[in-house]
Amino acid sequence: MILGVIPARYGSTRFPGKAIARLNEKTLIELVWERAKKAKRLDRLLVATDDDRIVKVVRKFGGEVVMTSAALPSGTDRVWQAAKETEAQIIVNIQGDEPLLTPPMIDQLVEGLRQESAAQMATLRYRMKGPEGYNDPNVVKVVTDQNGWALYFSRAPIPAHRSADAGSVVWYKHIGLYAYRRNFLEQFVGWAPSALESAEGLEQLRALERGARIKVLDSLQNTIGVDTPEDLKRVERLIKGA
């Protein structure tokens, strides 16, 4: 079974309650659910939350929701707590603050993990050119080897392009959707946070520091995560203009 889990915590530091913030007459979590539900490769989709207010909203629009501990340190831990009660062998972590994700992005992750037996997890990148976002620490970058295996993720501008003109810089933005093999996800949440993870604030570095292999696939679609009320307004404008 292939399971999609949308972790949705109420107490976001920069935007408390963002999962149930309204965007074009619907809540953020409902928009993400509707898009994820259209993925062809998912057998089941869950919202995993720590708050009764989110439970109420999800049940109202007909989604399946499970309550997880409020003490969990991350969304990945929340995903595993929901997934371990199922028989899922591939688990997709679908960020609840990515309302512009598309169903093919989820399907691409699942197929990538299915086809690459050496991969323990898979994620996406989007090709960027020019300076916009390149120096922004809120935009995570990824570099890979020639076969698409992750070498490093960073909030810093990587690769550095020291001699390149800013307008010609080519780099890859990391899109924070993940597919995991069940046994790997169970291992991952049992590992202590690593030094690089703590320095960058990026969980996936815990996997790299442990020697795990992460397959990075090229997405044809960019996304914008909602971290602040301003981001929500930006996404709302984009959706209205589509």
C-alpha atoms as a PDB file:
ATOM      1  CA  MET A   1       0.000   0.000   0.000  1.00  0.00           C
ATOM      2  CA  ILE A   2       1.114   3.531  -0.780  1.00  0.00           C
ATOM      3  CA  LEU A   3       0.083   6.087   1.813  1.00  0.00           C
ATOM      4  CA  GLY A   4       0.085   9.868   1.637  1.00  0.00           C
ATOM      5  CA  VAL A   5       0.249  11.744   4.929  1.00  0.00           C
ATOM      6  CA  ILE A   6      -0.256  15.487   5.325  1.00  0.00           C
ATOM      7  CA  PRO A   7       1.247  16.606   8.659  1.00  0.00           C
ATOM      8  CA  ALA A   8      -0.602  19.641   9.994  1.00  0.00           C
ATOM      9  CA  ARG A   9       0.525  21.240  13.236  1.00  0.00           C
ATOM     10  CA  TYR A  10      -1.515  24.087  14.693  1.00  0.00           C
ATOM     11  CA  GLY A  11       1.260  25.899  16.549  1.00  0.00           C
ATOM     12  CA  SER A  12       3.416  27.194  13.692  1.00  0.00           C
ATOM     13  CA  THR A  13       5.961  29.686  15.041  1.00  0.00           C
ATOM     14  CA  ARG A  14       5.616  32.242  12.256  1.00  0.00           C
ATOM     15  CA  PHE A  15       1.960  31.594  11.411  1.00  0.00           C
ATOM     16  CA  PRO A  16      -0.086  29.936  14.177  1.00  0.00           C
ATOM     17  CA  GLY A  17      -3.115  28.097  12.843  1.00  0.00           C
ATOM     18  CA  LYS A  18      -2.007  28.385   9.222  1.00  0.00           C
ATOM     19  CA  ALA A  19      -3.424  24.953   8.339  1.00  0.00           C
ATOM     20  CA  ILE A  20      -6.931  26.298   8.808  1.00  0.00           C
ATOM     21  CA  ALA A  21      -6.265  29.796   7.474  1.00  0.00           C
ATOM     22  CA  ARG A  22      -8.587  30.597   4.595  1.00  0.00           C
ATOM     23  CA  LEU A  23      -7.398  30.969   1.026  1.00  0.00           C
ATOM     24  CA  ASN A  24      -9.987  31.695  -1.660  1.00  0.00           C
ATOM     25  CA  GLU A  25     -12.936  30.497   0.468  1.00  0.00           C
ATOM     26  CA  LYS A  26     -11.232  27.262   1.538  1.00  0.00           C
ATOM     27  CA  THR A  27      -8.744  26.417   4.240  1.00  0.00           C
ATOM     28  CA  LEU A  28      -5.122  25.770   3.358  1.00  0.00           C
ATOM     29  CA  ILE A  29      -5.348  22.159   4.499  1.00  0.00           C
ATOM     30  CA  GLU A  30      -8.416  21.554   2.316  1.00  0.00           C
ATOM     31  CA  LEU A  31      -6.661  22.903  -0.772  1.00  0.00           C
ATOM     32  CA  VAL A  32      -3.655  20.648  -0.176  1.00  0.00           C
ATOM     33  CA  TRP A  33      -5.964  17.670   0.461  1.00  0.00           C
ATOM     34  CA  GLU A  34      -7.928  18.252  -2.753  1.00  0.00           C
ATOM     35  CA  ARG A  35      -4.766  18.328  -4.853  1.00  0.00           C
ATOM     36  CA  ALA A  36      -3.145  15.343  -3.160  1.00  0.00           C
ATOM     37  CA  LYS A  37      -6.336  13.313  -3.433  1.00  0.00           C
ATOM     38  CA  LYS A  38      -6.058  13.464  -7.229  1.00  0.00           C
ATOM     39  CA  ALA A  39      -2.689  11.669  -7.238  1.00  0.00           C
ATOM     40  CA  LYS A  40      -3.065   8.355  -9.062  1.00  0.00           C
ATOM     41  CA  ARG A  41      -0.405   6.464  -7.114  1.00  0.00           C
ATOM     42  CA  LEU A  42      -1.797   6.933  -3.596  1.00  0.00           C
ATOM     43  CA  ASP A  43      -3.982   4.202  -2.142  1.00  0.00           C
ATOM     44  CA  ARG A  44      -4.890   6.205   0.939  1.00  0.00           C
ATOM     45  CA  LEU A  45      -4.512   9.784   2.156  1.00  0.00           C
ATOM     46  CA  LEU A  46      -4.467  10.982   5.776  1.00  0.00           C
ATOM     47  CA  VAL A  47      -4.077  14.250   7.627  1.00  0.00           C
ATOM     48  CA  ALA A  48      -1.980  13.842  10.782  1.00  0.00           C
ATOM     49  CA  THR A  49      -2.492  16.606  13.325  1.00  0.00           C
ATOM     50  CA  ASP A  50      -2.096  17.515  16.987  1.00  0.00           C
ATOM     51  CA  ASP A  51      -5.107  19.781  17.357  1.00  0.00           C
ATOM     52  CA  ASP A  52      -8.866  19.286  17.614  1.00  0.00           C
ATOM     53  CA  ARG A  53      -9.526  22.433  15.581  1.00  0.00           C
ATOM     54  CA  ILE A  54      -7.770  20.915  12.570  1.00  0.00           C
ATOM     55  CA  VAL A  55      -9.551  17.589  13.127  1.00  0.00           C
ATOM     56  CA  LYS A  56     -12.901  19.381  12.997  1.00  0.00           C
ATOM     57  CA  VAL A  57     -12.057  21.223   9.763  1.00  0.00           C
ATOM     58  CA  VAL A  58     -10.766  18.106   7.993  1.00  0.00           C
ATOM     59  CA  ARG A  59     -13.786  16.025   8.949  1.00  0.00           C
ATOM     60  CA  LYS A  60     -16.083  18.801   7.777  1.00  0.00           C
ATOM     61  CA  PHE A  61     -14.705  18.688   4.224  1.00  0.00           C
ATOM     62  CA  GLY A  62     -14.701  14.869   4.236  1.00  0.00           C
ATOM     63  CA  GLY A  63     -11.019  14.142   4.748  1.00  0.00           C
ATOM     64  CA  GLU A  64      -9.559  11.321   6.823  1.00  0.00           C
ATOM     65  CA  VAL A  65      -7.664  12.573   9.856  1.00  0.00           C
ATOM     66  CA  VAL A  66      -5.737  11.010  12.729  1.00  0.00           C
ATOM     67  CA  MET A  67      -4.673  12.625  15.983  1.00  0.00           C
ATOM     68  CA  THR A  68      -0.979  12.448  16.844  1.00  0.00           C
ATOM     69  CA  SER A  69       0.969  13.550  19.907  1.00  0.00           C
ATOM     70  CA  ALA A  70       1.559  17.267  20.381  1.00  0.00           C
ATOM     71  CA  ALA A  71       4.999  16.420  21.784  1.00  0.00           C
ATOM     72  CA  LEU A  72       6.388  15.154  18.480  1.00  0.00           C
ATOM     73  CA  PRO A  73       9.432  17.201  17.389  1.00  0.00           C
ATOM     74  CA  SER A  74       8.743  17.345  13.641  1.00  0.00           C
ATOM     75  CA  GLY A  75       6.330  16.765  10.814  1.00  0.00           C
ATOM     76  CA  THR A  76       8.271  13.667   9.817  1.00  0.00           C
ATOM     77  CA  ASP A  77       7.692  12.154  13.260  1.00  0.00           C
ATOM     78  CA  ARG A  78       4.012  12.986  12.855  1.00  0.00           C
ATOM     79  CA  VAL A  79       3.954  11.238   9.480  1.00  0.00           C
ATOM     80  CA  TRP A  80       5.492   8.096  10.957  1.00  0.00           C
ATOM     81  CA  GLN A  81       3.162   8.014  13.948  1.00  0.00           C
ATOM     82  CA  ALA A  82       0.214   8.023  11.552  1.00  0.00           C
ATOM     83  CA  ALA A  83       1.783   5.609   9.058  1.00  0.00           C
ATOM     84  CA  LYS A  84       3.014   2.951  11.474  1.00  0.00           C
ATOM     85  CA  GLU A  85      -0.580   1.916  12.236  1.00  0.00           C
ATOM     86  CA  THR A  86      -1.077   1.070   8.543  1.00  0.00           C
ATOM     87  CA  GLU A  87       0.455  -1.520   6.216  1.00  0.00           C
ATOM     88  CA  ALA A  88       1.945   1.095   3.885  1.00  0.00           C
ATOM     89  CA  GLN A  89       5.301   0.174   2.335  1.00  0.00           C
ATOM     90  CA  ILE A  90       5.822   3.545   0.637  1.00  0.00           C
ATOM     91  CA  ILE A  91       4.896   6.664   2.590  1.00  0.00           C
ATOM     92  CA  VAL A  92       4.673  10.125   1.052  1.00  0.00           C
ATOM     93  CA  ASN A  93       5.130  13.169   3.275  1.00  0.00           C
ATOM     94  CA  ILE A  94       2.944  15.860   1.714  1.00  0.00           C
ATOM     95  CA  GLN A  95       3.607  19.248   3.250  1.00  0.00           C
ATOM     96  CA  GLY A  96       0.403  20.861   4.487  1.00  0.00           C
ATOM     97  CA  ASP A  97       1.640  24.323   3.534  1.00  0.00           C
ATOM     98  CA  GLU A  98       2.177  23.614  -0.191  1.00  0.00           C
ATOM     99  CA  PRO A  99      -1.157  24.531  -1.834  1.00  0.00           C
ATOM    100  CA  LEU A 100       0.433  24.756  -5.299  1.00  0.00           C
ATOM    101  CA  LEU A 101       1.618  21.153  -5.395  1.00  0.00           C
ATOM    102  CA  THR A 102       0.234  19.089  -8.255  1.00  0.00           C
ATOM    103  CA  PRO A 103      -0.884  15.425  -8.298  1.00  0.00           C
ATOM    104  CA  PRO A 104       1.822  14.469 -10.851  1.00  0.00           C
ATOM    105  CA  MET A 105       4.494  15.624  -8.398  1.00  0.00           C
ATOM    106  CA  ILE A 106       3.295  13.023  -5.897  1.00  0.00           C
ATOM    107  CA  ASP A 107       3.041  10.336  -8.570  1.00  0.00           C
ATOM    108  CA  GLN A 108       6.555  11.175  -9.780  1.00  0.00           C
ATOM    109  CA  LEU A 109       7.952  10.668  -6.272  1.00  0.00           C
ATOM    110  CA  VAL A 110       6.263   7.312  -5.860  1.00  0.00           C
ATOM    111  CA  GLU A 111       7.392   6.064  -9.263  1.00  0.00           C
ATOM    112  CA  GLY A 112      10.921   7.323  -8.673  1.00  0.00           C
ATOM    113  CA  LEU A 113      11.179   5.339  -5.451  1.00  0.00           C
ATOM    114  CA  ARG A 114       9.635   2.268  -7.069  1.00  0.00           C
ATOM    115  CA  GLN A 115      12.041   2.308  -9.993  1.00  0.00           C
ATOM    116  CA  GLU A 116      15.237   3.064  -8.074  1.00  0.00           C
ATOM    117  CA  SER A 117      15.797   0.131  -5.744  1.00  0.00           C
ATOM    118  CA  ALA A 118      18.877   1.723  -4.141  1.00  0.00           C
ATOM    119  CA  ALA A 119      16.923   4.779  -2.996  1.00  0.00           C
ATOM    120  CA  GLN A 120      15.746   4.898   0.606  1.00  0.00           C
ATOM    121  CA  MET A 121      13.866   8.127   0.064  1.00  0.00           C
ATOM    122  CA  ALA A 122      13.095  10.463  -2.815  1.00  0.00           C
ATOM    123  CA  THR A 123      12.395  14.153  -3.168  1.00  0.00           C
ATOM    124  CA  LEU A 124      12.067  16.859  -5.860  1.00  0.00           C
ATOM    125  CA  ARG A 125      14.018  19.795  -7.211  1.00  0.00           C
ATOM    126  CA  TYR A 126      13.172  22.621  -9.616  1.00  0.00           C
ATOM    127  CA  ARG A 127      15.673  24.255 -11.961  1.00  0.00           C
ATOM    128  CA  MET A 128      16.124  27.961 -11.320  1.00  0.00           C
ATOM    129  CA  LYS A 129      18.099  30.603 -13.176  1.00  0.00           C
ATOM    130  CA  GLY A 130      19.112  34.017 -11.937  1.00  0.00           C
ATOM    131  CA  PRO A 131      19.448  35.677  -8.563  1.00  0.00           C
ATOM    132  CA  GLU A 132      15.845  35.585  -7.315  1.00  0.00           C
ATOM    133  CA  GLY A 133      15.733  33.317  -4.273  1.00  0.00           C
ATOM    134  CA  TYR A 134      19.358  32.285  -4.666  1.00  0.00           C
ATOM    135  CA  ASN A 135      20.531  34.194  -1.580  1.00  0.00           C
ATOM    136  CA  ASP A 136      17.317  33.713   0.393  1.00  0.00           C
ATOM    137  CA  PRO A 137      17.887  31.385   3.385  1.00  0.00           C
ATOM    138  CA  ASN A 138      14.192  30.491   3.352  1.00  0.00           C
ATOM    139  CA  VAL A 139      14.662  28.911  -0.092  1.00  0.00           C
ATOM    140  CA  VAL A 140      16.449  25.578   0.276  1.00  0.00           C
ATOM    141  CA  LYS A 141      18.912  24.593  -2.442  1.00  0.00           C
ATOM    142  CA  VAL A 142      20.095  21.121  -3.404  1.00  0.00           C
ATOM    143  CA  VAL A 143      23.091  19.811  -5.318  1.00  0.00           C
ATOM    144  CA  THR A 144      23.296  16.277  -6.717  1.00  0.00           C
ATOM    145  CA  ASP A 145      25.713  14.044  -8.549  1.00  0.00           C
ATOM    146  CA  GLN A 146      25.292  13.335 -12.262  1.00  0.00           C
ATOM    147  CA  ASN A 147      22.827  10.544 -11.555  1.00  0.00           C
ATOM    148  CA  GLY A 148      20.495  12.585  -9.373  1.00  0.00           C
ATOM    149  CA  TRP A 149      21.691  11.411  -5.968  1.00  0.00           C
ATOM    150  CA  ALA A 150      21.661  14.128  -3.329  1.00  0.00           C
ATOM    151  CA  LEU A 151      25.040  15.475  -2.265  1.00  0.00           C
ATOM    152  CA  TYR A 152      23.878  18.306  -0.024  1.00  0.00           C
ATOM    153  CA  PHE A 153      20.949  20.567   0.878  1.00  0.00           C
ATOM    154  CA  SER A 154      21.521  24.087   2.181  1.00  0.00           C
ATOM    155  CA  ARG A 155      19.944  27.414   2.937  1.00  0.00           C
ATOM    156  CA  ALA A 156      23.123  29.001   1.606  1.00  0.00           C
ATOM    157  CA  PRO A 157      23.556  29.700  -2.120  1.00  0.00           C
ATOM    158  CA  ILE A 158      24.931  26.439  -3.528  1.00  0.00           C
ATOM    159  CA  PRO A 159      26.755  25.938  -5.781  1.00  0.00           C
ATOM    160  CA  ALA A 160      28.531  29.228  -5.131  1.00  0.00           C
ATOM    161  CA  HIS A 161      29.059  30.317  -8.791  1.00  0.00           C
ATOM    162  CA  ARG A 162      31.820  32.647  -7.684  1.00  0.00           C
ATOM    163  CA  SER A 163      32.738  33.844 -11.187  1.00  0.00           C
ATOM    164  CA  ALA A 164      29.318  33.728 -12.851  1.00  0.00           C
ATOM    165  CA  ASP A 165      27.140  36.689 -13.719  1.00  0.00           C
ATOM    166  CA  ALA A 166      24.175  36.811 -11.326  1.00  0.00           C
ATOM    167  CA  GLY A 167      21.693  36.677 -14.171  1.00  0.00           C
ATOM    168  CA  SER A 168      23.127  33.444 -15.552  1.00  0.00           C
ATOM    169  CA  VAL A 169      23.393  31.489 -12.302  1.00  0.00           C
ATOM    170  CA  VAL A 170      21.711  28.076 -12.590  1.00  0.00           C
ATOM    171  CA  TRP A 171      20.759  26.368  -9.341  1.00  0.00           C
ATOM    172  CA  TYR A 172      18.163  23.942  -8.020  1.00  0.00           C
ATOM    173  CA  LYS A 173      15.464  24.772  -5.525  1.00  0.00           C
ATOM    174  CA  HIS A 174      14.480  21.914  -3.248  1.00  0.00           C
ATOM    175  CA  ILE A 175      10.765  21.137  -3.123  1.00  0.00           C
ATOM    176  CA  GLY A 176       9.972  19.650   0.266  1.00  0.00           C
ATOM    177  CA  LEU A 177       7.899  16.621  -0.670  1.00  0.00           C
ATOM    178  CA  TYR A 178       9.316  13.231   0.293  1.00  0.00           C
ATOM    179  CA  ALA A 179       8.625   9.573  -0.372  1.00  0.00           C
ATOM    180  CA  TYR A 180      10.122   7.012   2.027  1.00  0.00           C
ATOM    181  CA  ARG A 181      10.378   3.270   2.204  1.00  0.00           C
ATOM    182  CA  ARG A 182       8.651   2.122   5.359  1.00  0.00           C
ATOM    183  CA  ASN A 183      11.656   0.502   7.009  1.00  0.00           C
ATOM    184  CA  PHE A 184      13.821   3.551   6.329  1.00  0.00           C
ATOM    185  CA  LEU A 185      11.301   6.027   7.769  1.00  0.00           C
ATOM    186  CA  GLU A 186      11.065   3.947  10.923  1.00  0.00           C
ATOM    187  CA  GLN A 187      14.857   4.067  11.257  1.00  0.00           C
ATOM    188  CA  PHE A 188      15.054   7.762  10.421  1.00  0.00           C
ATOM    189  CA  VAL A 189      12.752   8.972  13.193  1.00  0.00           C
ATOM    190  CA  GLY A 190      14.751   6.919  15.691  1.00  0.00           C
ATOM    191  CA  TRP A 191      18.008   8.706  14.894  1.00  0.00           C
ATOM    192  CA  ALA A 192      19.066  11.720  16.936  1.00  0.00           C
ATOM    193  CA  PRO A 193      19.286  15.043  15.061  1.00  0.00           C
ATOM    194  CA  SER A 194      22.671  15.367  13.360  1.00  0.00           C
ATOM    195  CA  ALA A 195      25.190  18.210  13.474  1.00  0.00           C
ATOM    196  CA  LEU A 196      24.512  19.420   9.929  1.00  0.00           C
ATOM    197  CA  GLU A 197      20.761  19.118  10.437  1.00  0.00           C
ATOM    198  CA  SER A 198      20.981  21.318  13.523  1.00  0.00           C
ATOM    199  CA  ALA A 199      23.202  23.860  11.760  1.00  0.00           C
ATOM    200  CA  GLU A 200      20.992  24.232   8.674  1.00  0.00           C
ATOM    201  CA  GLY A 201      17.620  23.413  10.199  1.00  0.00           C
ATOM    202  CA  LEU A 202      17.065  20.745   7.519  1.00  0.00           C
ATOM    203  CA  GLU A 203      15.971  17.239   8.523  1.00  0.00           C
ATOM    204  CA  GLN A 204      17.081  15.579   5.309  1.00  0.00           C
ATOM    205  CA  LEU A 205      20.709  16.194   6.266  1.00  0.00           C
ATOM    206  CA  ARG A 206      20.251  13.654   9.065  1.00  0.00           C
ATOM    207  CA  ALA A 207      19.729  11.043   6.367  1.00  0.00           C
ATOM    208  CA  LEU A 208      22.779  12.123   4.366  1.00  0.00           C
ATOM    209  CA  GLU A 209      25.004  12.150   7.442  1.00  0.00           C
ATOM    210  CA  ARG A 210      23.954   8.572   8.129  1.00  0.00           C
ATOM    211  CA  GLY A 211      24.919   7.561   4.612  1.00  0.00           C
ATOM    212  CA  ALA A 212      21.371   7.190   3.282  1.00  0.00           C
ATOM    213  CA  ARG A 213      20.757   7.564  -0.446  1.00  0.00           C
ATOM    214  CA  ILE A 214      18.253  10.214  -1.493  1.00  0.00           C
ATOM    215  CA  LYS A 215      17.063  10.250  -5.091  1.00  0.00           C
ATOM    216  CA  VAL A 216      16.305  13.770  -6.324  1.00  0.00           C
ATOM    217  CA  LEU A 217      13.886  14.011  -9.243  1.00  0.00           C
ATOM    218  CA  ASP A 218      13.360  16.956 -11.577  1.00  0.00           C
ATOM    219  CA  SER A 219       9.965  18.573 -11.165  1.00  0.00           C
ATOM    220  CA  LEU A 220       8.364  20.469 -14.034  1.00  0.00           C
ATOM    221  CA  GLN A 221       6.351  22.473 -11.511  1.00  0.00           C
ATOM    222  CA  ASN A 222       7.574  25.029  -8.987  1.00  0.00           C
ATOM    223  CA  THR A 223       5.745  25.608  -5.697  1.00  0.00           C
ATOM    224  CA  ILE A 224       5.510  28.262  -3.016  1.00  0.00           C
ATOM    225  CA  GLY A 225       5.321  27.174   0.594  1.00  0.00           C
ATOM    226  CA  VAL A 226       3.171  29.164   3.013  1.00  0.00           C
ATOM    227  CA  ASP A 227       5.208  30.132   6.070  1.00  0.00           C
ATOM    228  CA  THR A 228       3.711  33.543   6.820  1.00  0.00           C
ATOM    229  CA  PRO A 229       0.441  35.446   6.267  1.00  0.00           C
ATOM    230  CA  GLU A 230       2.221  37.340   3.477  1.00  0.00           C
ATOM    231  CA  ASP A 231       2.964  34.050   1.713  1.00  0.00           C
ATOM    232  CA  LEU A 232      -0.714  33.157   1.928  1.00  0.00           C
ATOM    233  CA  LYS A 233      -1.670  36.418   0.215  1.00  0.00           C
ATOM    234  CA  ARG A 234       0.935  35.806  -2.491  1.00  0.00           C
ATOM    235  CA  VAL A 235      -0.404  32.322  -3.221  1.00  0.00           C
ATOM    236  CA  GLU A 236      -3.959  33.650  -3.243  1.00  0.00           C
ATOM    237  CA  ARG A 237      -2.989  36.187  -5.915  1.00  0.00           C
ATOM    238  CA  LEU A 238      -1.320  33.493  -8.005  1.00  0.00           C
ATOM    239  CA  ILE A 239      -4.349  31.194  -7.816  1.00  0.00           C
ATOM    240  CA  LYS A 240      -6.743  34.012  -8.740  1.00  0.00           C
ATOM    241  CA  GLY A 241      -4.531  34.931 -11.678  1.00  0.00           C
ATOM    242  CA  ALA A 242      -4.291  31.362 -12.982  1.00  0.00           C
END
